[in-house]
Full PDB file with SEQRES, HELIX, SHEET, SSBOND, CRYST1, ORIGX, SCALE, CONECT and MASTER records, all heavy atoms in Angstrom:
SEQRES   1 A   41  ARG ASN ILE ILE LEU ARG ILE TYR TRP ASP GLY GLN ASP          
SEQRES   2 A   41  PHE PRO SER VAL GLU CYS PRO LEU GLY ASP PHE PHE CYS          
SEQRES   3 A   41  CYS GLY TRP ASN GLU GLU GLU GLN ILE THR SER LEU PRO          
SEQRES   4 A   41  ILE CYS                                                      
HELIX    1 AA1 LEU A   21  PHE A   24  1                                   4    
SHEET    1 AA1 2 ILE A   4  ILE A   7  0                                        
SHEET    2 AA1 2 VAL A  17  PRO A  20 -1                                        
CRYST1    1.000    1.000    1.000  90.00  90.00  90.00 P 1           1          
ORIGX1      1.000000  0.000000  0.000000        0.00000                         
ORIGX2      0.000000  1.000000  0.000000        0.00000                         
ORIGX3      0.000000  0.000000  1.000000        0.00000                         
SCALE1      1.000000  0.000000  0.000000        0.00000                         
SCALE2      0.000000  1.000000  0.000000        0.00000                         
SCALE3      0.000000  0.000000  1.000000        0.00000                         
ATOM      1  N   ARG A   1       4.701  -0.882   2.058  1.00  0.00           N  
ATOM      2  CA  ARG A   1       3.263  -1.028   1.840  1.00  0.00           C  
ATOM      3  C   ARG A   1       2.466  -0.097   2.772  1.00  0.00           C  
ATOM      4  O   ARG A   1       1.277   0.141   2.548  1.00  0.00           O  
ATOM      5  CB  ARG A   1       2.832  -2.478   2.059  1.00  0.00           C  
ATOM      6  CG  ARG A   1       3.150  -3.409   0.899  1.00  0.00           C  
ATOM      7  CD  ARG A   1       2.037  -3.414  -0.153  1.00  0.00           C  
ATOM      8  NE  ARG A   1       2.422  -4.177  -1.323  1.00  0.00           N  
ATOM      9  CZ  ARG A   1       2.198  -5.486  -1.474  1.00  0.00           C  
ATOM     10  NH1 ARG A   1       1.589  -6.164  -0.512  1.00  0.00           N  
ATOM     11  NH2 ARG A   1       2.577  -6.102  -2.571  1.00  0.00           N  
ATOM     12  N   ASN A   2       3.101   0.395   3.828  1.00  0.00           N  
ATOM     13  CA  ASN A   2       2.447   1.324   4.745  1.00  0.00           C  
ATOM     14  C   ASN A   2       2.548   2.777   4.289  1.00  0.00           C  
ATOM     15  O   ASN A   2       2.041   3.671   4.973  1.00  0.00           O  
ATOM     16  CB  ASN A   2       3.065   1.216   6.143  1.00  0.00           C  
ATOM     17  CG  ASN A   2       2.784  -0.106   6.815  1.00  0.00           C  
ATOM     18  OD1 ASN A   2       1.799  -0.770   6.489  1.00  0.00           O  
ATOM     19  ND2 ASN A   2       3.639  -0.506   7.745  1.00  0.00           N  
ATOM     20  N   ILE A   3       3.212   2.998   3.164  1.00  0.00           N  
ATOM     21  CA  ILE A   3       3.444   4.369   2.684  1.00  0.00           C  
ATOM     22  C   ILE A   3       2.776   4.506   1.325  1.00  0.00           C  
ATOM     23  O   ILE A   3       3.129   3.803   0.377  1.00  0.00           O  
ATOM     24  CB  ILE A   3       4.951   4.662   2.568  1.00  0.00           C  
ATOM     25  CG1 ILE A   3       5.651   4.334   3.893  1.00  0.00           C  
ATOM     26  CG2 ILE A   3       5.181   6.106   2.176  1.00  0.00           C  
ATOM     27  CD1 ILE A   3       7.163   4.322   3.788  1.00  0.00           C  
ATOM     28  N   ILE A   4       1.798   5.396   1.218  1.00  0.00           N  
ATOM     29  CA  ILE A   4       0.975   5.488   0.007  1.00  0.00           C  
ATOM     30  C   ILE A   4       1.293   6.785  -0.734  1.00  0.00           C  
ATOM     31  O   ILE A   4       1.148   7.891  -0.184  1.00  0.00           O  
ATOM     32  CB  ILE A   4      -0.527   5.440   0.350  1.00  0.00           C  
ATOM     33  CG1 ILE A   4      -0.837   4.257   1.275  1.00  0.00           C  
ATOM     34  CG2 ILE A   4      -1.337   5.375  -0.933  1.00  0.00           C  
ATOM     35  CD1 ILE A   4      -0.464   2.904   0.737  1.00  0.00           C  
ATOM     36  N   LEU A   5       1.727   6.627  -1.983  1.00  0.00           N  
ATOM     37  CA  LEU A   5       1.975   7.764  -2.867  1.00  0.00           C  
ATOM     38  C   LEU A   5       0.703   8.097  -3.625  1.00  0.00           C  
ATOM     39  O   LEU A   5       0.067   7.205  -4.206  1.00  0.00           O  
ATOM     40  CB  LEU A   5       3.088   7.420  -3.857  1.00  0.00           C  
ATOM     41  CG  LEU A   5       3.368   8.446  -4.959  1.00  0.00           C  
ATOM     42  CD1 LEU A   5       3.960   9.726  -4.375  1.00  0.00           C  
ATOM     43  CD2 LEU A   5       4.295   7.847  -6.023  1.00  0.00           C  
ATOM     44  N   ARG A   6       0.321   9.375  -3.632  1.00  0.00           N  
ATOM     45  CA  ARG A   6      -0.825   9.833  -4.411  1.00  0.00           C  
ATOM     46  C   ARG A   6      -0.446  11.095  -5.180  1.00  0.00           C  
ATOM     47  O   ARG A   6       0.291  11.944  -4.670  1.00  0.00           O  
ATOM     48  CB  ARG A   6      -2.029  10.128  -3.507  1.00  0.00           C  
ATOM     49  CG  ARG A   6      -2.599   8.901  -2.806  1.00  0.00           C  
ATOM     50  CD  ARG A   6      -3.845   9.245  -1.991  1.00  0.00           C  
ATOM     51  NE  ARG A   6      -4.422   8.066  -1.359  1.00  0.00           N  
ATOM     52  CZ  ARG A   6      -4.097   7.632  -0.139  1.00  0.00           C  
ATOM     53  NH1 ARG A   6      -3.201   8.309   0.589  1.00  0.00           N  
ATOM     54  NH2 ARG A   6      -4.663   6.550   0.361  1.00  0.00           N  
ATOM     55  N   ILE A   7      -0.983  11.201  -6.402  1.00  0.00           N  
ATOM     56  CA  ILE A   7      -0.797  12.405  -7.212  1.00  0.00           C  
ATOM     57  C   ILE A   7      -2.153  12.806  -7.768  1.00  0.00           C  
ATOM     58  O   ILE A   7      -2.893  11.972  -8.314  1.00  0.00           O  
ATOM     59  CB  ILE A   7       0.215  12.184  -8.358  1.00  0.00           C  
ATOM     60  CG1 ILE A   7       1.557  11.683  -7.803  1.00  0.00           C  
ATOM     61  CG2 ILE A   7       0.418  13.478  -9.141  1.00  0.00           C  
ATOM     62  CD1 ILE A   7       2.601  11.380  -8.865  1.00  0.00           C  
ATOM     63  N   TYR A   8      -2.465  14.091  -7.634  1.00  0.00           N  
ATOM     64  CA  TYR A   8      -3.728  14.662  -8.098  1.00  0.00           C  
ATOM     65  C   TYR A   8      -3.428  15.682  -9.194  1.00  0.00           C  
ATOM     66  O   TYR A   8      -2.537  16.531  -9.040  1.00  0.00           O  
ATOM     67  CB  TYR A   8      -4.452  15.373  -6.951  1.00  0.00           C  
ATOM     68  CG  TYR A   8      -4.741  14.527  -5.732  1.00  0.00           C  
ATOM     69  CD1 TYR A   8      -3.733  14.233  -4.804  1.00  0.00           C  
ATOM     70  CD2 TYR A   8      -6.013  14.032  -5.491  1.00  0.00           C  
ATOM     71  CE1 TYR A   8      -3.993  13.470  -3.671  1.00  0.00           C  
ATOM     72  CE2 TYR A   8      -6.288  13.268  -4.357  1.00  0.00           C  
ATOM     73  CZ  TYR A   8      -5.275  12.995  -3.456  1.00  0.00           C  
ATOM     74  OH  TYR A   8      -5.544  12.250  -2.337  1.00  0.00           O  
ATOM     75  N   TRP A   9      -4.176  15.608 -10.291  1.00  0.00           N  
ATOM     76  CA  TRP A   9      -3.966  16.513 -11.421  1.00  0.00           C  
ATOM     77  C   TRP A   9      -5.119  17.514 -11.543  1.00  0.00           C  
ATOM     78  O   TRP A   9      -6.285  17.139 -11.451  1.00  0.00           O  
ATOM     79  CB  TRP A   9      -3.860  15.743 -12.735  1.00  0.00           C  
ATOM     80  CG  TRP A   9      -2.778  14.708 -12.813  1.00  0.00           C  
ATOM     81  CD1 TRP A   9      -2.932  13.387 -13.127  1.00  0.00           C  
ATOM     82  CD2 TRP A   9      -1.373  14.901 -12.612  1.00  0.00           C  
ATOM     83  NE1 TRP A   9      -1.720  12.749 -13.123  1.00  0.00           N  
ATOM     84  CE2 TRP A   9      -0.737  13.648 -12.807  1.00  0.00           C  
ATOM     85  CE3 TRP A   9      -0.588  16.007 -12.277  1.00  0.00           C  
ATOM     86  CZ2 TRP A   9       0.639  13.479 -12.685  1.00  0.00           C  
ATOM     87  CZ3 TRP A   9       0.780  15.828 -12.144  1.00  0.00           C  
ATOM     88  CH2 TRP A   9       1.390  14.586 -12.359  1.00  0.00           C  
ATOM     89  N   ASP A  10      -4.757  18.762 -11.766  1.00  0.00           N  
ATOM     90  CA  ASP A  10      -5.692  19.818 -12.185  1.00  0.00           C  
ATOM     91  C   ASP A  10      -6.913  19.943 -11.280  1.00  0.00           C  
ATOM     92  O   ASP A  10      -8.034  20.192 -11.731  1.00  0.00           O  
ATOM     93  CB  ASP A  10      -6.148  19.586 -13.635  1.00  0.00           C  
ATOM     94  CG  ASP A  10      -5.021  19.847 -14.625  1.00  0.00           C  
ATOM     95  OD1 ASP A  10      -3.886  20.119 -14.188  1.00  0.00           O  
ATOM     96  OD2 ASP A  10      -5.257  19.755 -15.838  1.00  0.00           O  
ATOM     97  N   GLY A  11      -6.712  19.765  -9.975  1.00  0.00           N  
ATOM     98  CA  GLY A  11      -7.773  20.003  -9.015  1.00  0.00           C  
ATOM     99  C   GLY A  11      -8.782  18.887  -8.847  1.00  0.00           C  
ATOM    100  O   GLY A  11      -9.794  19.083  -8.151  1.00  0.00           O  
ATOM    101  N   GLN A  12      -8.566  17.711  -9.452  1.00  0.00           N  
ATOM    102  CA  GLN A  12      -9.490  16.602  -9.238  1.00  0.00           C  
ATOM    103  C   GLN A  12      -9.511  16.210  -7.758  1.00  0.00           C  
ATOM    104  O   GLN A  12      -8.491  16.235  -7.084  1.00  0.00           O  
ATOM    105  CB  GLN A  12      -9.098  15.384 -10.082  1.00  0.00           C  
ATOM    106  CG  GLN A  12      -9.402  15.508 -11.551  1.00  0.00           C  
ATOM    107  CD  GLN A  12      -9.350  14.161 -12.276  1.00  0.00           C  
ATOM    108  OE1 GLN A  12     -10.150  13.897 -13.151  1.00  0.00           O  
ATOM    109  NE2 GLN A  12      -8.417  13.308 -11.916  1.00  0.00           N  
ATOM    110  N   ASP A  13     -10.695  15.825  -7.262  1.00  0.00           N  
ATOM    111  CA  ASP A  13     -10.842  15.433  -5.869  1.00  0.00           C  
ATOM    112  C   ASP A  13     -10.228  14.066  -5.579  1.00  0.00           C  
ATOM    113  O   ASP A  13      -9.922  13.749  -4.425  1.00  0.00           O  
ATOM    114  CB  ASP A  13     -12.326  15.397  -5.472  1.00  0.00           C  
ATOM    115  CG  ASP A  13     -12.954  16.779  -5.498  1.00  0.00           C  
ATOM    116  OD1 ASP A  13     -12.224  17.761  -5.299  1.00  0.00           O  
ATOM    117  OD2 ASP A  13     -14.178  16.862  -5.724  1.00  0.00           O  
ATOM    118  N   PHE A  14     -10.077  13.247  -6.591  1.00  0.00           N  
ATOM    119  CA  PHE A  14      -9.538  11.896  -6.413  1.00  0.00           C  
ATOM    120  C   PHE A  14      -8.203  11.789  -7.146  1.00  0.00           C  
ATOM    121  O   PHE A  14      -7.951  12.493  -8.131  1.00  0.00           O  
ATOM    122  CB  PHE A  14     -10.521  10.848  -6.934  1.00  0.00           C  
ATOM    123  CG  PHE A  14     -11.032  11.098  -8.323  1.00  0.00           C  
ATOM    124  CD1 PHE A  14     -10.337  10.651  -9.436  1.00  0.00           C  
ATOM    125  CD2 PHE A  14     -12.209  11.812  -8.517  1.00  0.00           C  
ATOM    126  CE1 PHE A  14     -10.799  10.890 -10.714  1.00  0.00           C  
ATOM    127  CE2 PHE A  14     -12.684  12.054  -9.803  1.00  0.00           C  
ATOM    128  CZ  PHE A  14     -11.981  11.595 -10.894  1.00  0.00           C  
ATOM    129  N   PRO A  15      -7.316  10.904  -6.660  1.00  0.00           N  
ATOM    130  CA  PRO A  15      -5.983  10.829  -7.255  1.00  0.00           C  
ATOM    131  C   PRO A  15      -5.968  10.082  -8.578  1.00  0.00           C  
ATOM    132  O   PRO A  15      -6.772   9.183  -8.817  1.00  0.00           O  
ATOM    133  CB  PRO A  15      -5.175  10.071  -6.198  1.00  0.00           C  
ATOM    134  CG  PRO A  15      -6.187   9.213  -5.513  1.00  0.00           C  
ATOM    135  CD  PRO A  15      -7.465  10.014  -5.500  1.00  0.00           C  
ATOM    136  N   SER A  16      -5.001  10.434  -9.408  1.00  0.00           N  
ATOM    137  CA  SER A  16      -4.708   9.672 -10.630  1.00  0.00           C  
ATOM    138  C   SER A  16      -3.580   8.677 -10.408  1.00  0.00           C  
ATOM    139  O   SER A  16      -3.377   7.775 -11.223  1.00  0.00           O  
ATOM    140  CB  SER A  16      -4.345  10.626 -11.769  1.00  0.00           C  
ATOM    141  OG  SER A  16      -5.435  11.446 -12.116  1.00  0.00           O  
ATOM    142  N   VAL A  17      -2.847   8.855  -9.331  1.00  0.00           N  
ATOM    143  CA  VAL A  17      -1.841   7.898  -8.884  1.00  0.00           C  
ATOM    144  C   VAL A  17      -2.154   7.568  -7.431  1.00  0.00           C  
ATOM    145  O   VAL A  17      -2.273   8.465  -6.600  1.00  0.00           O  
ATOM    146  CB  VAL A  17      -0.415   8.471  -8.989  1.00  0.00           C  
ATOM    147  CG1 VAL A  17       0.606   7.530  -8.357  1.00  0.00           C  
ATOM    148  CG2 VAL A  17      -0.053   8.771 -10.439  1.00  0.00           C  
ATOM    149  N   GLU A  18      -2.314   6.275  -7.129  1.00  0.00           N  
ATOM    150  CA  GLU A  18      -2.521   5.826  -5.760  1.00  0.00           C  
ATOM    151  C   GLU A  18      -1.891   4.453  -5.635  1.00  0.00           C  
ATOM    152  O   GLU A  18      -2.386   3.477  -6.198  1.00  0.00           O  
ATOM    153  CB  GLU A  18      -4.002   5.776  -5.403  1.00  0.00           C  
ATOM    154  CG  GLU A  18      -4.245   5.434  -3.931  1.00  0.00           C  
ATOM    155  CD  GLU A  18      -5.709   5.509  -3.557  1.00  0.00           C  
ATOM    156  OE1 GLU A  18      -6.530   4.877  -4.264  1.00  0.00           O  
ATOM    157  OE2 GLU A  18      -6.035   6.196  -2.571  1.00  0.00           O  
ATOM    158  N   CYS A  19      -0.780   4.389  -4.889  1.00  0.00           N  
ATOM    159  CA  CYS A  19       0.014   3.163  -4.918  1.00  0.00           C  
ATOM    160  C   CYS A  19       0.937   3.112  -3.703  1.00  0.00           C  
ATOM    161  O   CYS A  19       1.538   4.135  -3.341  1.00  0.00           O  
ATOM    162  CB  CYS A  19       0.855   3.147  -6.194  1.00  0.00           C  
ATOM    163  SG  CYS A  19       1.761   1.630  -6.489  1.00  0.00           S  
ATOM    164  N   PRO A  20       1.069   1.951  -3.069  1.00  0.00           N  
ATOM    165  CA  PRO A  20       2.128   1.818  -2.059  1.00  0.00           C  
ATOM    166  C   PRO A  20       3.484   2.150  -2.677  1.00  0.00           C  
ATOM    167  O   PRO A  20       3.768   1.793  -3.821  1.00  0.00           O  
ATOM    168  CB  PRO A  20       2.041   0.340  -1.658  1.00  0.00           C  
ATOM    169  CG  PRO A  20       0.629  -0.049  -1.959  1.00  0.00           C  
ATOM    170  CD  PRO A  20       0.263   0.722  -3.195  1.00  0.00           C  
ATOM    171  N   LEU A  21       4.305   2.820  -1.894  1.00  0.00           N  
ATOM    172  CA  LEU A  21       5.541   3.381  -2.437  1.00  0.00           C  
ATOM    173  C   LEU A  21       6.451   2.314  -3.031  1.00  0.00           C  
ATOM    174  O   LEU A  21       6.971   2.469  -4.141  1.00  0.00           O  
ATOM    175  CB  LEU A  21       6.277   4.147  -1.336  1.00  0.00           C  
ATOM    176  CG  LEU A  21       7.481   4.951  -1.804  1.00  0.00           C  
ATOM    177  CD1 LEU A  21       7.047   6.134  -2.653  1.00  0.00           C  
ATOM    178  CD2 LEU A  21       8.295   5.437  -0.608  1.00  0.00           C  
ATOM    179  N   GLY A  22       6.658   1.216  -2.315  1.00  0.00           N  
ATOM    180  CA  GLY A  22       7.554   0.185  -2.829  1.00  0.00           C  
ATOM    181  C   GLY A  22       7.072  -0.418  -4.127  1.00  0.00           C  
ATOM    182  O   GLY A  22       7.862  -0.657  -5.047  1.00  0.00           O  
ATOM    183  N   ASP A  23       5.764  -0.675  -4.224  1.00  0.00           N  
ATOM    184  CA  ASP A  23       5.218  -1.261  -5.449  1.00  0.00           C  
ATOM    185  C   ASP A  23       5.388  -0.328  -6.641  1.00  0.00           C  
ATOM    186  O   ASP A  23       5.656  -0.783  -7.761  1.00  0.00           O  
ATOM    187  CB  ASP A  23       3.746  -1.597  -5.241  1.00  0.00           C  
ATOM    188  CG  ASP A  23       3.557  -2.712  -4.224  1.00  0.00           C  
ATOM    189  OD1 ASP A  23       3.506  -2.392  -3.018  1.00  0.00           O  
ATOM    190  OD2 ASP A  23       3.480  -3.884  -4.620  1.00  0.00           O  
ATOM    191  N   PHE A  24       5.232   0.988  -6.433  1.00  0.00           N  
ATOM    192  CA  PHE A  24       5.435   1.942  -7.529  1.00  0.00           C  
ATOM    193  C   PHE A  24       6.849   1.843  -8.082  1.00  0.00           C  
ATOM    194  O   PHE A  24       7.066   2.034  -9.283  1.00  0.00           O  
ATOM    195  CB  PHE A  24       5.154   3.363  -7.034  1.00  0.00           C  
ATOM    196  CG  PHE A  24       5.224   4.408  -8.109  1.00  0.00           C  
ATOM    197  CD1 PHE A  24       4.109   4.709  -8.887  1.00  0.00           C  
ATOM    198  CD2 PHE A  24       6.397   5.100  -8.360  1.00  0.00           C  
ATOM    199  CE1 PHE A  24       4.172   5.672  -9.888  1.00  0.00           C  
ATOM    200  CE2 PHE A  24       6.469   6.065  -9.354  1.00  0.00           C  
ATOM    201  CZ  PHE A  24       5.348   6.346 -10.116  1.00  0.00           C  
ATOM    202  N   PHE A  25       7.810   1.523  -7.207  1.00  0.00           N  
ATOM    203  CA  PHE A  25       9.209   1.427  -7.623  1.00  0.00           C  
ATOM    204  C   PHE A  25       9.674  -0.028  -7.758  1.00  0.00           C  
ATOM    205  O   PHE A  25      10.860  -0.320  -7.591  1.00  0.00           O  
ATOM    206  CB  PHE A  25      10.089   2.185  -6.639  1.00  0.00           C  
ATOM    207  CG  PHE A  25       9.933   3.682  -6.718  1.00  0.00           C  
ATOM    208  CD1 PHE A  25       9.146   4.359  -5.803  1.00  0.00           C  
ATOM    209  CD2 PHE A  25      10.539   4.404  -7.729  1.00  0.00           C  
ATOM    210  CE1 PHE A  25       8.983   5.728  -5.882  1.00  0.00           C  
ATOM    211  CE2 PHE A  25      10.393   5.777  -7.820  1.00  0.00           C  
ATOM    212  CZ  PHE A  25       9.601   6.450  -6.896  1.00  0.00           C  
ATOM    213  N   CYS A  26       8.730  -0.932  -8.077  1.00  0.00           N  
ATOM    214  CA  CYS A  26       9.055  -2.329  -8.384  1.00  0.00           C  
ATOM    215  C   CYS A  26       9.636  -3.090  -7.204  1.00  0.00           C  
ATOM    216  O   CYS A  26      10.302  -4.120  -7.388  1.00  0.00           O  
ATOM    217  CB  CYS A  26      10.033  -2.418  -9.570  1.00  0.00           C  
ATOM    218  SG  CYS A  26       9.497  -1.580 -11.061  1.00  0.00           S  
ATOM    219  N   CYS A  27       9.384  -2.622  -5.976  1.00  0.00           N  
ATOM    220  CA  CYS A  27       9.884  -3.278  -4.773  1.00  0.00           C  
ATOM    221  C   CYS A  27       8.697  -3.663  -3.896  1.00  0.00           C  
ATOM    222  O   CYS A  27       8.548  -3.199  -2.760  1.00  0.00           O  
ATOM    223  CB  CYS A  27      10.851  -2.373  -4.014  1.00  0.00           C  
ATOM    224  SG  CYS A  27      12.381  -2.011  -4.907  1.00  0.00           S  
ATOM    225  N   GLY A  28       7.837  -4.536  -4.431  1.00  0.00           N  
ATOM    226  CA  GLY A  28       6.590  -4.847  -3.770  1.00  0.00           C  
ATOM    227  C   GLY A  28       6.720  -5.731  -2.546  1.00  0.00           C  
ATOM    228  O   GLY A  28       5.773  -5.826  -1.758  1.00  0.00           O  
ATOM    229  N   TRP A  29       7.871  -6.369  -2.357  1.00  0.00           N  
ATOM    230  CA  TRP A  29       8.023  -7.281  -1.225  1.00  0.00           C  
ATOM    231  C   TRP A  29       8.802  -6.660  -0.076  1.00  0.00           C  
ATOM    232  O   TRP A  29       9.355  -7.374   0.764  1.00  0.00           O  
ATOM    233  CB  TRP A  29       8.690  -8.573  -1.687  1.00  0.00           C  
ATOM    234  CG  TRP A  29       7.859  -9.349  -2.655  1.00  0.00           C  
ATOM    235  CD1 TRP A  29       8.191  -9.709  -3.932  1.00  0.00           C  
ATOM    236  CD2 TRP A  29       6.540  -9.870  -2.425  1.00  0.00           C  
ATOM    237  NE1 TRP A  29       7.179 -10.402  -4.526  1.00  0.00           N  
ATOM    238  CE2 TRP A  29       6.140 -10.518  -3.613  1.00  0.00           C  
ATOM    239  CE3 TRP A  29       5.657  -9.842  -1.345  1.00  0.00           C  
ATOM    240  CZ2 TRP A  29       4.901 -11.129  -3.755  1.00  0.00           C  
ATOM    241  CZ3 TRP A  29       4.416 -10.446  -1.486  1.00  0.00           C  
ATOM    242  CH2 TRP A  29       4.052 -11.086  -2.667  1.00  0.00           C  
ATOM    243  N   ASN A  30       8.852  -5.337  -0.023  1.00  0.00           N  
ATOM    244  CA  ASN A  30       9.529  -4.617   1.065  1.00  0.00           C  
ATOM    245  C   ASN A  30      11.013  -4.952   1.149  1.00  0.00           C  
ATOM    246  O   ASN A  30      11.630  -4.863   2.215  1.00  0.00           O  
ATOM    247  CB  ASN A  30       8.870  -4.906   2.426  1.00  0.00           C  
ATOM    248  CG  ASN A  30       7.532  -4.199   2.586  1.00  0.00           C  
ATOM    249  OD1 ASN A  30       7.220  -3.272   1.850  1.00  0.00           O  
ATOM    250  ND2 ASN A  30       6.737  -4.645   3.543  1.00  0.00           N  
ATOM    251  N   GLU A  31      11.580  -5.342   0.028  1.00  0.00           N  
ATOM    252  CA  GLU A  31      13.014  -5.596  -0.057  1.00  0.00           C  
ATOM    253  C   GLU A  31      13.597  -4.690  -1.135  1.00  0.00           C  
ATOM    254  O   GLU A  31      13.033  -4.566  -2.226  1.00  0.00           O  
ATOM    255  CB  GLU A  31      13.293  -7.058  -0.424  1.00  0.00           C  
ATOM    256  CG  GLU A  31      12.773  -8.085   0.584  1.00  0.00           C  
ATOM    257  CD  GLU A  31      13.646  -8.191   1.810  1.00  0.00           C  
ATOM    258  OE1 GLU A  31      14.769  -7.642   1.783  1.00  0.00           O  
ATOM    259  OE2 GLU A  31      13.197  -8.819   2.788  1.00  0.00           O  
ATOM    260  N   GLU A  32      14.718  -4.054  -0.819  1.00  0.00           N  
ATOM    261  CA  GLU A  32      15.366  -3.199  -1.814  1.00  0.00           C  
ATOM    262  C   GLU A  32      15.921  -4.055  -2.945  1.00  0.00           C  
ATOM    263  O   GLU A  32      16.675  -4.999  -2.707  1.00  0.00           O  
ATOM    264  CB  GLU A  32      16.500  -2.396  -1.184  1.00  0.00           C  
ATOM    265  CG  GLU A  32      17.219  -1.503  -2.178  1.00  0.00           C  
ATOM    266  CD  GLU A  32      18.401  -0.779  -1.557  1.00  0.00           C  
ATOM    267  OE1 GLU A  32      18.719  -1.063  -0.383  1.00  0.00           O  
ATOM    268  OE2 GLU A  32      19.019   0.037  -2.249  1.00  0.00           O  
ATOM    269  N   GLU A  33      15.529  -3.725  -4.163  1.00  0.00           N  
ATOM    270  CA  GLU A  33      16.003  -4.435  -5.348  1.00  0.00           C  
ATOM    271  C   GLU A  33      16.596  -3.423  -6.320  1.00  0.00           C  
ATOM    272  O   GLU A  33      15.968  -2.415  -6.621  1.00  0.00           O  
ATOM    273  CB  GLU A  33      14.852  -5.191  -6.021  1.00  0.00           C  
ATOM    274  CG  GLU A  33      14.104  -6.144  -5.107  1.00  0.00           C  
ATOM    275  CD  GLU A  33      14.950  -7.310  -4.625  1.00  0.00           C  
ATOM    276  OE1 GLU A  33      15.981  -7.589  -5.254  1.00  0.00           O  
ATOM    277  OE2 GLU A  33      14.563  -7.934  -3.614  1.00  0.00           O  
ATOM    278  N   GLN A  34      17.795  -3.673  -6.786  1.00  0.00           N  
ATOM    279  CA  GLN A  34      18.417  -2.763  -7.743  1.00  0.00           C  
ATOM    280  C   GLN A  34      17.691  -2.876  -9.081  1.00  0.00           C  
ATOM    281  O   GLN A  34      17.498  -3.983  -9.612  1.00  0.00           O  
ATOM    282  CB  GLN A  34      19.903  -3.096  -7.900  1.00  0.00           C  
ATOM    283  CG  GLN A  34      20.721  -2.013  -8.577  1.00  0.00           C  
ATOM    284  CD  GLN A  34      20.693  -2.107 -10.079  1.00  0.00           C  
ATOM    285  OE1 GLN A  34      20.682  -3.203 -10.633  1.00  0.00           O  
ATOM    286  NE2 GLN A  34      20.688  -0.981 -10.755  1.00  0.00           N  
ATOM    287  N   ILE A  35      17.236  -1.751  -9.601  1.00  0.00           N  
ATOM    288  CA  ILE A  35      16.488  -1.693 -10.865  1.00  0.00           C  
ATOM    289  C   ILE A  35      17.207  -0.749 -11.814  1.00  0.00           C  
ATOM    290  O   ILE A  35      17.514   0.398 -11.449  1.00  0.00           O  
ATOM    291  CB  ILE A  35      15.044  -1.171 -10.660  1.00  0.00           C  
ATOM    292  CG1 ILE A  35      14.310  -1.972  -9.590  1.00  0.00           C  
ATOM    293  CG2 ILE A  35      14.286  -1.171 -11.985  1.00  0.00           C  
ATOM    294  CD1 ILE A  35      13.999  -3.376  -9.977  1.00  0.00           C  
ATOM    295  N   THR A  36      17.469  -1.214 -13.020  1.00  0.00           N  
ATOM    296  CA  THR A  36      18.039  -0.362 -14.065  1.00  0.00           C  
ATOM    297  C   THR A  36      17.087  -0.382 -15.241  1.00  0.00           C  
ATOM    298  O   THR A  36      17.118  -1.295 -16.071  1.00  0.00           O  
ATOM    299  CB  THR A  36      19.423  -0.872 -14.492  1.00  0.00           C  
ATOM    300  OG1 THR A  36      20.282  -0.935 -13.352  1.00  0.00           O  
ATOM    301  CG2 THR A  36      20.043   0.057 -15.532  1.00  0.00           C  
ATOM    302  N   SER A  37      16.196   0.600 -15.305  1.00  0.00           N  
ATOM    303  CA  SER A  37      15.274   0.705 -16.429  1.00  0.00           C  
ATOM    304  C   SER A  37      15.155   2.174 -16.808  1.00  0.00           C  
ATOM    305  O   SER A  37      15.646   3.055 -16.092  1.00  0.00           O  
ATOM    306  CB  SER A  37      13.907   0.108 -16.086  1.00  0.00           C  
ATOM    307  OG  SER A  37      13.114   0.990 -15.322  1.00  0.00           O  
ATOM    308  N   LEU A  38      14.500   2.428 -17.915  1.00  0.00           N  
ATOM    309  CA  LEU A  38      14.409   3.825 -18.367  1.00  0.00           C  
ATOM    310  C   LEU A  38      13.571   4.692 -17.439  1.00  0.00           C  
ATOM    311  O   LEU A  38      14.033   5.753 -17.002  1.00  0.00           O  
ATOM    312  CB  LEU A  38      13.864   3.874 -19.793  1.00  0.00           C  
ATOM    313  CG  LEU A  38      14.839   3.452 -20.890  1.00  0.00           C  
ATOM    314  CD1 LEU A  38      14.157   3.479 -22.243  1.00  0.00           C  
ATOM    315  CD2 LEU A  38      16.058   4.362 -20.907  1.00  0.00           C  
ATOM    316  N   PRO A  39      12.336   4.317 -17.084  1.00  0.00           N  
ATOM    317  CA  PRO A  39      11.535   5.221 -16.268  1.00  0.00           C  
ATOM    318  C   PRO A  39      11.688   5.038 -14.767  1.00  0.00           C  
ATOM    319  O   PRO A  39      11.353   5.940 -14.008  1.00  0.00           O  
ATOM    320  CB  PRO A  39      10.104   4.892 -16.705  1.00  0.00           C  
ATOM    321  CG  PRO A  39      10.156   3.451 -17.070  1.00  0.00           C  
ATOM    322  CD  PRO A  39      11.525   3.224 -17.644  1.00  0.00           C  
ATOM    323  N   ILE A  40      12.178   3.881 -14.320  1.00  0.00           N  
ATOM    324  CA  ILE A  40      12.327   3.611 -12.896  1.00  0.00           C  
ATOM    325  C   ILE A  40      13.731   3.092 -12.623  1.00  0.00           C  
ATOM    326  O   ILE A  40      14.189   2.139 -13.267  1.00  0.00           O  
ATOM    327  CB  ILE A  40      11.289   2.574 -12.403  1.00  0.00           C  
ATOM    328  CG1 ILE A  40       9.872   3.126 -12.497  1.00  0.00           C  
ATOM    329  CG2 ILE A  40      11.610   2.135 -10.972  1.00  0.00           C  
ATOM    330  CD1 ILE A  40       9.550   4.264 -11.545  1.00  0.00           C  
ATOM    331  N   CYS A  41      14.398   3.697 -11.636  1.00  0.00           N  
ATOM    332  CA  CYS A  41      15.689   3.217 -11.169  1.00  0.00           C  
ATOM    333  C   CYS A  41      15.635   3.112  -9.648  1.00  0.00           C  
ATOM    334  O   CYS A  41      15.124   4.018  -8.975  1.00  0.00           O  
ATOM    335  CB  CYS A  41      16.824   4.160 -11.557  1.00  0.00           C  
ATOM    336  SG  CYS A  41      17.118   4.299 -13.328  1.00  0.00           S  
TER     337      CYS A  41                                                      
MASTER        0    0    0    1    2    0    0    6  336    1    0    4          
END                                                                             
């Protein structure tokens, strides 16, 4: 939760992705969880 992922497209001043790293990867409770899905592993 202390690590924030951001992605900016085509020079926009504000991000289109802004999310704590674990939550983006379905690990919102700071615990590693094995995930087998199409877009996120």
